[in-house]
C-alpha atoms as a PDB file:
ATOM      1  CA  MET A   1     -22.618   9.533  34.208  1.00  0.00           C
ATOM      2  CA  ALA A   2     -22.925  12.441  31.773  1.00  0.00           C
ATOM      3  CA  SER A   3     -19.216  13.217  32.209  1.00  0.00           C
ATOM      4  CA  ILE A   4     -18.332   9.652  31.151  1.00  0.00           C
ATOM      5  CA  LYS A   5     -20.358  10.154  27.965  1.00  0.00           C
ATOM      6  CA  LYS A   6     -18.558  13.437  27.267  1.00  0.00           C
ATOM      7  CA  VAL A   7     -15.166  11.814  27.784  1.00  0.00           C
ATOM      8  CA  SER A   8     -16.136   8.896  25.513  1.00  0.00           C
ATOM      9  CA  VAL A   9     -17.299  11.242  22.761  1.00  0.00           C
ATOM     10  CA  LEU A  10     -14.143  13.328  23.136  1.00  0.00           C
ATOM     11  CA  MET A  11     -11.941  10.223  22.931  1.00  0.00           C
ATOM     12  CA  LEU A  12     -13.850   9.038  19.868  1.00  0.00           C
ATOM     13  CA  ALA A  13     -13.389  12.441  18.215  1.00  0.00           C
ATOM     14  CA  VAL A  14      -9.644  12.383  18.929  1.00  0.00           C
ATOM     15  CA  VAL A  15      -9.271   8.872  17.502  1.00  0.00           C
ATOM     16  CA  VAL A  16     -11.244   9.774  14.377  1.00  0.00           C
ATOM     17  CA  ALA A  17      -9.146  12.925  13.926  1.00  0.00           C
ATOM     18  CA  LEU A  18      -5.927  10.908  14.218  1.00  0.00           C
ATOM     19  CA  LEU A  19      -7.185   8.317  11.728  1.00  0.00           C
ATOM     20  CA  LEU A  20      -8.114  11.026   9.243  1.00  0.00           C
ATOM     21  CA  GLN A  21      -4.754  12.729   9.698  1.00  0.00           C
ATOM     22  CA  GLY A  22      -3.045   9.412   9.050  1.00  0.00           C
ATOM     23  CA  ALA A  23      -5.136   8.874   5.947  1.00  0.00           C
ATOM     24  CA  PHE A  24      -4.178  12.200   4.418  1.00  0.00           C
ATOM     25  CA  THR A  25      -0.473  11.894   5.269  1.00  0.00           C
ATOM     26  CA  ALA A  26      -0.190   8.207   4.333  1.00  0.00           C
ATOM     27  CA  ASP A  27       1.889   9.000   1.255  1.00  0.00           C
ATOM     28  CA  LEU A  28       4.618  10.346   3.514  1.00  0.00           C
ATOM     29  CA  ALA A  29       4.490   7.311   5.770  1.00  0.00           C
ATOM     30  CA  SER A  30       4.541   4.799   2.943  1.00  0.00           C
ATOM     31  CA  ALA A  31       7.066   6.620   0.771  1.00  0.00           C
ATOM     32  CA  HIS A  32       9.292   3.553   0.552  1.00  0.00           C
ATOM     33  CA  ARG A  33       6.871   1.112  -1.012  1.00  0.00           C
ATOM     34  CA  MET A  34       8.525  -0.149  -4.173  1.00  0.00           C
ATOM     35  CA  LEU A  35       6.605  -0.480  -7.456  1.00  0.00           C
ATOM     36  CA  ILE A  36       7.353  -1.637 -10.998  1.00  0.00           C
ATOM     37  CA  ASP A  37       5.647  -0.365 -14.143  1.00  0.00           C
ATOM     38  CA  GLU A  38       6.224  -1.352 -17.740  1.00  0.00           C
ATOM     39  CA  GLU A  39       6.772   1.888 -19.611  1.00  0.00           C
ATOM     40  CA  LYS A  40       6.960   0.118 -22.969  1.00  0.00           C
ATOM     41  CA  SER A  41       8.155  -3.199 -24.285  1.00  0.00           C
ATOM     42  CA  GLY A  42      11.778  -3.537 -23.184  1.00  0.00           C
ATOM     43  CA  VAL A  43      11.649  -0.877 -20.455  1.00  0.00           C
ATOM     44  CA  LEU A  44      10.615  -1.289 -16.807  1.00  0.00           C
ATOM     45  CA  LYS A  45      10.605   1.524 -14.282  1.00  0.00           C
ATOM     46  CA  VAL A  46      11.298   0.646 -10.652  1.00  0.00           C
ATOM     47  CA  TYR A  47      10.409   3.348  -8.161  1.00  0.00           C
ATOM     48  CA  TYR A  48       9.231   4.052  -4.655  1.00  0.00           C
ATOM     49  CA  GLN A  49       5.828   5.513  -3.942  1.00  0.00           C
ATOM     50  CA  GLY A  50       6.038   9.219  -4.647  1.00  0.00           C
ATOM     51  CA  ASN A  51       7.738   8.494  -8.012  1.00  0.00           C
ATOM     52  CA  ILE A  52      11.241   8.331  -6.497  1.00  0.00           C
ATOM     53  CA  ALA A  53      13.567   6.189  -8.612  1.00  0.00           C
ATOM     54  CA  ALA A  54      14.789   3.037  -6.851  1.00  0.00           C
ATOM     55  CA  VAL A  55      18.378   3.486  -8.034  1.00  0.00           C
ATOM     56  CA  ARG A  56      19.749   0.624  -5.905  1.00  0.00           C
ATOM     57  CA  ALA A  57      17.311  -1.941  -7.299  1.00  0.00           C
ATOM     58  CA  THR A  58      18.249  -5.039  -9.222  1.00  0.00           C
ATOM     59  CA  VAL A  59      15.673  -6.536 -11.584  1.00  0.00           C
ATOM     60  CA  THR A  60      15.311 -10.197 -12.489  1.00  0.00           C
ATOM     61  CA  LEU A  61      13.106 -11.264 -15.402  1.00  0.00           C
ATOM     62  CA  LEU A  62      11.627 -14.761 -15.183  1.00  0.00           C
ATOM     63  CA  ASP A  63       9.784 -16.911 -17.693  1.00  0.00           C
ATOM     64  CA  SER A  64       6.630 -18.861 -16.853  1.00  0.00           C
ATOM     65  CA  GLN A  65       8.694 -21.801 -15.500  1.00  0.00           C
ATOM     66  CA  GLY A  66      10.733 -19.554 -13.181  1.00  0.00           C
ATOM     67  CA  ASN A  67      13.898 -19.557 -15.281  1.00  0.00           C
ATOM     68  CA  THR A  68      15.947 -16.353 -15.307  1.00  0.00           C
ATOM     69  CA  LEU A  69      15.817 -14.571 -18.656  1.00  0.00           C
ATOM     70  CA  ALA A  70      17.704 -11.402 -17.719  1.00  0.00           C
ATOM     71  CA  GLU A  71      19.068  -9.734 -14.614  1.00  0.00           C
ATOM     72  CA  GLY A  72      20.745  -6.453 -13.824  1.00  0.00           C
ATOM     73  CA  PRO A  73      20.665  -3.098 -12.060  1.00  0.00           C
ATOM     74  CA  VAL A  74      18.453  -0.155 -12.942  1.00  0.00           C
ATOM     75  CA  ASP A  75      19.920   3.122 -14.190  1.00  0.00           C
ATOM     76  CA  THR A  76      19.877   6.476 -12.386  1.00  0.00           C
ATOM     77  CA  GLU A  77      16.239   7.010 -13.417  1.00  0.00           C
ATOM     78  CA  GLY A  78      15.176   3.623 -12.023  1.00  0.00           C
ATOM     79  CA  LYS A  79      14.790   2.135 -15.500  1.00  0.00           C
ATOM     80  CA  PHE A  80      15.712  -1.397 -16.478  1.00  0.00           C
ATOM     81  CA  TYR A  81      16.206  -2.076 -20.165  1.00  0.00           C
ATOM     82  CA  TYR A  82      15.915  -5.553 -21.645  1.00  0.00           C
ATOM     83  CA  ASP A  83      15.602  -7.131 -25.068  1.00  0.00           C
ATOM     84  CA  PRO A  84      11.958  -6.662 -26.139  1.00  0.00           C
ATOM     85  CA  LYS A  85      12.158 -10.011 -27.960  1.00  0.00           C
ATOM     86  CA  LEU A  86      12.190 -11.715 -24.550  1.00  0.00           C
ATOM     87  CA  LYS A  87       8.781 -12.747 -23.301  1.00  0.00           C
ATOM     88  CA  PRO A  88       9.060 -12.602 -19.509  1.00  0.00           C
ATOM     89  CA  ALA A  89       6.172 -13.678 -17.309  1.00  0.00           C
ATOM     90  CA  LEU A  90       7.368 -11.988 -14.131  1.00  0.00           C
ATOM     91  CA  ALA A  91       9.788  -9.262 -13.070  1.00  0.00           C
ATOM     92  CA  GLU A  92      11.213  -9.133  -9.558  1.00  0.00           C
ATOM     93  CA  ALA A  93      12.971  -6.103  -8.101  1.00  0.00           C
ATOM     94  CA  ASP A  94      14.986  -5.891  -4.887  1.00  0.00           C
ATOM     95  CA  ASP A  95      16.929  -2.904  -3.579  1.00  0.00           C
ATOM     96  CA  GLY A  96      18.988  -4.828  -1.021  1.00  0.00           C
ATOM     97  CA  LEU A  97      17.496  -2.707   1.769  1.00  0.00           C
ATOM     98  CA  GLY A  98      14.462  -4.888   2.453  1.00  0.00           C
ATOM     99  CA  HIS A  99      12.210  -3.506  -0.267  1.00  0.00           C
ATOM    100  CA  GLY A 100      11.065  -5.799  -3.018  1.00  0.00           C
ATOM    101  CA  THR A 101       8.232  -6.140  -5.480  1.00  0.00           C
ATOM    102  CA  THR A 102       7.068  -8.165  -8.444  1.00  0.00           C
ATOM    103  CA  TYR A 103       5.361  -7.330 -11.702  1.00  0.00           C
ATOM    104  CA  ASP A 104       3.212  -9.850 -13.569  1.00  0.00           C
ATOM    105  CA  PHE A 105       3.366  -9.097 -17.303  1.00  0.00           C
ATOM    106  CA  SER A 106       0.041 -10.819 -17.967  1.00  0.00           C
ATOM    107  CA  GLN A 107      -1.852  -8.722 -15.388  1.00  0.00           C
ATOM    108  CA  GLY A 108       0.128  -5.513 -14.999  1.00  0.00           C
ATOM    109  CA  ARG A 109       0.040  -3.629 -11.731  1.00  0.00           C
ATOM    110  CA  PRO A 110      -3.378  -3.914 -10.052  1.00  0.00           C
ATOM    111  CA  ASP A 111      -5.307  -0.759  -9.227  1.00  0.00           C
ATOM    112  CA  GLU A 112      -5.512   0.113  -5.560  1.00  0.00           C
ATOM    113  CA  ALA A 113      -8.255   1.755  -3.581  1.00  0.00           C
ATOM    114  CA  PRO A 114      -7.549   5.431  -2.860  1.00  0.00           C
ATOM    115  CA  VAL A 115      -6.267   6.259   0.623  1.00  0.00           C
ATOM    116  CA  VAL A 116      -9.451   8.196   1.429  1.00  0.00           C
ATOM    117  CA  ILE A 117     -11.576   5.099   0.763  1.00  0.00           C
ATOM    118  CA  LYS A 118      -9.330   3.000   3.009  1.00  0.00           C
ATOM    119  CA  ALA A 119      -9.527   5.627   5.767  1.00  0.00           C
ATOM    120  CA  LEU A 120     -13.320   5.841   5.555  1.00  0.00           C
ATOM    121  CA  PHE A 121     -13.521   2.061   5.839  1.00  0.00           C
ATOM    122  CA  VAL A 122     -11.357   2.065   8.986  1.00  0.00           C
ATOM    123  CA  VAL A 123     -13.341   4.919  10.537  1.00  0.00           C
ATOM    124  CA  SER A 124     -16.671   3.270   9.758  1.00  0.00           C
ATOM    125  CA  LEU A 125     -15.451  -0.006  11.234  1.00  0.00           C
ATOM    126  CA  PHE A 126     -14.344   1.809  14.386  1.00  0.00           C
ATOM    127  CA  LEU A 127     -17.687   3.619  14.653  1.00  0.00           C
ATOM    128  CA  PHE A 128     -19.587   0.355  14.194  1.00  0.00           C
ATOM    129  CA  VAL A 129     -17.644  -1.315  17.019  1.00  0.00           C
ATOM    130  CA  SER A 130     -18.109   1.755  19.232  1.00  0.00           C
ATOM    131  CA  ALA A 131     -21.852   1.823  18.560  1.00  0.00           C
ATOM    132  CA  TYR A 132     -22.121  -1.880  19.347  1.00  0.00           C
ATOM    133  CA  PHE A 133     -20.450  -1.502  22.748  1.00  0.00           C
ATOM    134  CA  TYR A 134     -22.411   1.664  23.493  1.00  0.00           C
ATOM    135  CA  ARG A 135     -25.654  -0.216  22.759  1.00  0.00           C
ATOM    136  CA  GLN A 136     -24.580  -3.106  24.998  1.00  0.00           C
ATOM    137  CA  GLY A 137     -23.913  -0.648  27.811  1.00  0.00           C
ATOM    138  CA  GLN A 138     -27.362   0.885  27.361  1.00  0.00           C
ATOM    139  CA  ARG A 139     -28.981  -2.562  27.553  1.00  0.00           C
ATOM    140  CA  LYS A 140     -27.183  -3.351  30.802  1.00  0.00           C
ATOM    141  CA  LYS A 141     -28.419  -0.084  32.331  1.00  0.00           C
ATOM    142  CA  ALA A 142     -32.003  -0.762  31.255  1.00  0.00           C
ATOM    143  CA  ALA A 143     -32.023  -4.347  32.587  1.00  0.00           C
ATOM    144  CA  PRO A 144     -33.790  -4.684  35.990  1.00  0.00           C
END
């Protein structure tokens, strides 16, 4: 019975180590997530995570009713220039390779939780589930 406990603890340690490794190398794994930022009025920057310009992207600016105000490709730096007199509500970018994103001018790009916080949440969830099943096993052993 003690060897089963040791194996369970070892397996738990391996899983936690793999989750932590994934958390700290997540930028490499998600390097192709596309983002849009408004650098200034009239200039949008379309890029992949890691600040890599999305040079194949096409941007479409839409008003609040969904009508197209402007459309075109980004330049070699991933920038899309438009007339600052336009008042777009939404910008959509697509690179033709399956990556796409939108930017809401009224809200901007929302902040995201850091990868470490996400990893700690996953690990704590896993530990909670493990503790629950461990406790259930202990109750079954103690039952007459």
